[in-house]
Amino acid sequence: MSKREELIAKYASDLKDKCGVEADMDFLTKVTIGCGPAIYNADSSTVSASQKSEIETVKNNFLIKKLGLTDGPELDAAIESVMEQYGKSNRNKYRAVVYYLLAKHFKKEAVYNK
């Protein structure tokens, strides 16, 4: 099993155990690949919900640039909702899981089918 496959399995486990979501493994794999090398770095593989700059990065680089959404209060509300779903007390929020949940929330799975 490759390192990436191990990480995808870990993300699927987080989705199920911490978020109560049964992962679409094909889509989770695409989101994980889309994160690139960031998933292998301890710092960049997670999202710090308490850091405003980190939330801005998720909003600007993922929601606006990657998913093509327009900036507005609904983006902040969606990020807040996903952080709540993942569990505020959970320290390690994996970037791939957060992106997966946000893409599902906005029904933007098609972005990964290119």
C-alpha atoms as a PDB file:
ATOM      1  CA  MET A   1       0.000   0.000   0.000  1.00  0.00           C
ATOM      2  CA  SER A   2       1.472   3.356  -1.046  1.00  0.00           C
ATOM      3  CA  LYS A   3       1.767   6.329   1.296  1.00  0.00           C
ATOM      4  CA  ARG A   4      -1.026   8.068  -0.602  1.00  0.00           C
ATOM      5  CA  GLU A   5      -3.320   5.034  -0.278  1.00  0.00           C
ATOM      6  CA  GLU A   6      -2.608   4.949   3.472  1.00  0.00           C
ATOM      7  CA  LEU A   7      -3.516   8.627   3.765  1.00  0.00           C
ATOM      8  CA  ILE A   8      -6.725   8.160   1.752  1.00  0.00           C
ATOM      9  CA  ALA A   9      -7.715   5.317   4.102  1.00  0.00           C
ATOM     10  CA  LYS A  10      -7.002   7.602   7.080  1.00  0.00           C
ATOM     11  CA  TYR A  11      -9.119  10.373   5.541  1.00  0.00           C
ATOM     12  CA  ALA A  12     -12.001   7.956   4.881  1.00  0.00           C
ATOM     13  CA  SER A  13     -11.803   6.858   8.507  1.00  0.00           C
ATOM     14  CA  ASP A  14     -11.935  10.494   9.677  1.00  0.00           C
ATOM     15  CA  LEU A  15     -14.945  11.172   7.445  1.00  0.00           C
ATOM     16  CA  LYS A  16     -16.782   8.206   8.919  1.00  0.00           C
ATOM     17  CA  ASP A  17     -15.727   8.455  12.572  1.00  0.00           C
ATOM     18  CA  LYS A  18     -15.507  12.209  13.077  1.00  0.00           C
ATOM     19  CA  CYS A  19     -17.893  13.621  10.482  1.00  0.00           C
ATOM     20  CA  GLY A  20     -20.485  10.855  10.205  1.00  0.00           C
ATOM     21  CA  VAL A  21     -20.057  10.710   6.420  1.00  0.00           C
ATOM     22  CA  GLU A  22     -19.614   7.584   4.315  1.00  0.00           C
ATOM     23  CA  ALA A  23     -16.819   8.518   1.918  1.00  0.00           C
ATOM     24  CA  ASP A  24     -17.160   8.314  -1.833  1.00  0.00           C
ATOM     25  CA  MET A  25     -13.726   6.720  -2.237  1.00  0.00           C
ATOM     26  CA  ASP A  26     -13.335   7.659  -5.903  1.00  0.00           C
ATOM     27  CA  PHE A  27     -14.061  11.314  -5.160  1.00  0.00           C
ATOM     28  CA  LEU A  28     -11.924  11.313  -1.987  1.00  0.00           C
ATOM     29  CA  THR A  29      -9.011   9.965  -4.046  1.00  0.00           C
ATOM     30  CA  LYS A  30      -9.437  12.781  -6.596  1.00  0.00           C
ATOM     31  CA  VAL A  31      -9.552  15.437  -3.861  1.00  0.00           C
ATOM     32  CA  THR A  32      -6.475  13.946  -2.187  1.00  0.00           C
ATOM     33  CA  ILE A  33      -4.539  13.924  -5.466  1.00  0.00           C
ATOM     34  CA  GLY A  34      -5.697  17.506  -6.026  1.00  0.00           C
ATOM     35  CA  CYS A  35      -4.036  18.552  -2.752  1.00  0.00           C
ATOM     36  CA  GLY A  36      -0.694  17.575  -4.257  1.00  0.00           C
ATOM     37  CA  PRO A  37       2.412  17.256  -2.105  1.00  0.00           C
ATOM     38  CA  ALA A  38       0.754  19.183   0.750  1.00  0.00           C
ATOM     39  CA  ILE A  39      -0.687  15.913   2.096  1.00  0.00           C
ATOM     40  CA  TYR A  40       2.809  14.614   2.898  1.00  0.00           C
ATOM     41  CA  ASN A  41       3.831  17.603   5.011  1.00  0.00           C
ATOM     42  CA  ALA A  42       2.712  17.559   8.656  1.00  0.00           C
ATOM     43  CA  ASP A  43       1.960  21.294   8.705  1.00  0.00           C
ATOM     44  CA  SER A  44       0.276  21.722   5.321  1.00  0.00           C
ATOM     45  CA  SER A  45      -1.702  18.465   5.488  1.00  0.00           C
ATOM     46  CA  THR A  46      -3.970  19.905   8.179  1.00  0.00           C
ATOM     47  CA  VAL A  47      -6.184  22.979   8.435  1.00  0.00           C
ATOM     48  CA  SER A  48      -6.065  25.059  11.607  1.00  0.00           C
ATOM     49  CA  ALA A  49      -9.631  26.214  12.183  1.00  0.00           C
ATOM     50  CA  SER A  50      -8.491  28.730  14.799  1.00  0.00           C
ATOM     51  CA  GLN A  51      -6.116  30.569  12.437  1.00  0.00           C
ATOM     52  CA  LYS A  52      -7.839  33.279  10.438  1.00  0.00           C
ATOM     53  CA  SER A  53      -5.080  33.198   7.785  1.00  0.00           C
ATOM     54  CA  GLU A  54      -5.585  29.449   7.324  1.00  0.00           C
ATOM     55  CA  ILE A  55      -9.341  29.890   6.831  1.00  0.00           C
ATOM     56  CA  GLU A  56      -8.628  32.657   4.283  1.00  0.00           C
ATOM     57  CA  THR A  57      -6.283  30.276   2.419  1.00  0.00           C
ATOM     58  CA  VAL A  58      -9.008  27.615   2.248  1.00  0.00           C
ATOM     59  CA  LYS A  59     -11.501  30.196   1.026  1.00  0.00           C
ATOM     60  CA  ASN A  60      -9.264  31.899  -1.568  1.00  0.00           C
ATOM     61  CA  ASN A  61      -7.202  28.997  -2.891  1.00  0.00           C
ATOM     62  CA  PHE A  62      -9.805  26.246  -2.753  1.00  0.00           C
ATOM     63  CA  LEU A  63     -13.333  27.648  -2.825  1.00  0.00           C
ATOM     64  CA  ILE A  64     -12.670  30.609  -5.119  1.00  0.00           C
ATOM     65  CA  LYS A  65      -9.743  29.490  -7.312  1.00  0.00           C
ATOM     66  CA  LYS A  66     -10.291  25.720  -7.469  1.00  0.00           C
ATOM     67  CA  LEU A  67     -14.085  25.443  -7.252  1.00  0.00           C
ATOM     68  CA  GLY A  68     -14.770  28.741  -9.044  1.00  0.00           C
ATOM     69  CA  LEU A  69     -17.113  30.137  -6.413  1.00  0.00           C
ATOM     70  CA  THR A  70     -17.752  33.838  -5.850  1.00  0.00           C
ATOM     71  CA  ASP A  71     -16.626  35.336  -2.548  1.00  0.00           C
ATOM     72  CA  GLY A  72     -19.427  36.029  -0.118  1.00  0.00           C
ATOM     73  CA  PRO A  73     -20.750  35.255   3.353  1.00  0.00           C
ATOM     74  CA  GLU A  74     -21.950  31.807   2.219  1.00  0.00           C
ATOM     75  CA  LEU A  75     -18.314  30.706   1.797  1.00  0.00           C
ATOM     76  CA  ASP A  76     -17.469  31.638   5.390  1.00  0.00           C
ATOM     77  CA  ALA A  77     -20.665  29.964   6.576  1.00  0.00           C
ATOM     78  CA  ALA A  78     -19.777  26.769   4.690  1.00  0.00           C
ATOM     79  CA  ILE A  79     -16.257  26.681   6.145  1.00  0.00           C
ATOM     80  CA  GLU A  80     -17.685  27.236   9.630  1.00  0.00           C
ATOM     81  CA  SER A  81     -20.230  24.470   9.049  1.00  0.00           C
ATOM     82  CA  VAL A  82     -17.546  22.016   7.889  1.00  0.00           C
ATOM     83  CA  MET A  83     -15.317  22.855  10.885  1.00  0.00           C
ATOM     84  CA  GLU A  84     -18.301  22.286  13.153  1.00  0.00           C
ATOM     85  CA  GLN A  85     -19.063  18.957  11.455  1.00  0.00           C
ATOM     86  CA  TYR A  86     -15.416  17.855  11.753  1.00  0.00           C
ATOM     87  CA  GLY A  87     -15.471  18.763  15.444  1.00  0.00           C
ATOM     88  CA  LYS A  88     -14.090  21.997  16.847  1.00  0.00           C
ATOM     89  CA  SER A  89     -12.211  20.097  19.557  1.00  0.00           C
ATOM     90  CA  ASN A  90     -10.539  17.835  16.995  1.00  0.00           C
ATOM     91  CA  ARG A  91      -7.027  19.269  16.594  1.00  0.00           C
ATOM     92  CA  ASN A  92      -6.071  17.529  13.354  1.00  0.00           C
ATOM     93  CA  LYS A  93      -8.434  18.479  10.579  1.00  0.00           C
ATOM     94  CA  TYR A  94      -6.969  17.001   7.433  1.00  0.00           C
ATOM     95  CA  ARG A  95      -6.968  19.348   4.440  1.00  0.00           C
ATOM     96  CA  ALA A  96      -8.204  16.630   2.064  1.00  0.00           C
ATOM     97  CA  VAL A  97     -11.178  15.900   4.352  1.00  0.00           C
ATOM     98  CA  VAL A  98     -12.057  19.600   4.703  1.00  0.00           C
ATOM     99  CA  TYR A  99     -11.824  20.065   0.918  1.00  0.00           C
ATOM    100  CA  TYR A 100     -13.895  16.911   0.339  1.00  0.00           C
ATOM    101  CA  LEU A 101     -16.656  18.176   2.639  1.00  0.00           C
ATOM    102  CA  LEU A 102     -16.622  21.653   1.094  1.00  0.00           C
ATOM    103  CA  ALA A 103     -16.750  20.316  -2.470  1.00  0.00           C
ATOM    104  CA  LYS A 104     -19.685  18.075  -1.505  1.00  0.00           C
ATOM    105  CA  HIS A 105     -21.393  20.982   0.288  1.00  0.00           C
ATOM    106  CA  PHE A 106     -21.277  23.144  -2.848  1.00  0.00           C
ATOM    107  CA  LYS A 107     -22.003  20.161  -5.135  1.00  0.00           C
ATOM    108  CA  LYS A 108     -18.787  20.829  -7.075  1.00  0.00           C
ATOM    109  CA  GLU A 109     -17.666  17.234  -7.571  1.00  0.00           C
ATOM    110  CA  ALA A 110     -17.561  17.846 -11.333  1.00  0.00           C
ATOM    111  CA  VAL A 111     -14.505  20.099 -10.873  1.00  0.00           C
ATOM    112  CA  TYR A 112     -12.508  16.900 -10.273  1.00  0.00           C
ATOM    113  CA  ASN A 113     -13.841  15.088 -13.351  1.00  0.00           C
ATOM    114  CA  LYS A 114     -11.715  17.010 -15.826  1.00  0.00           C
END
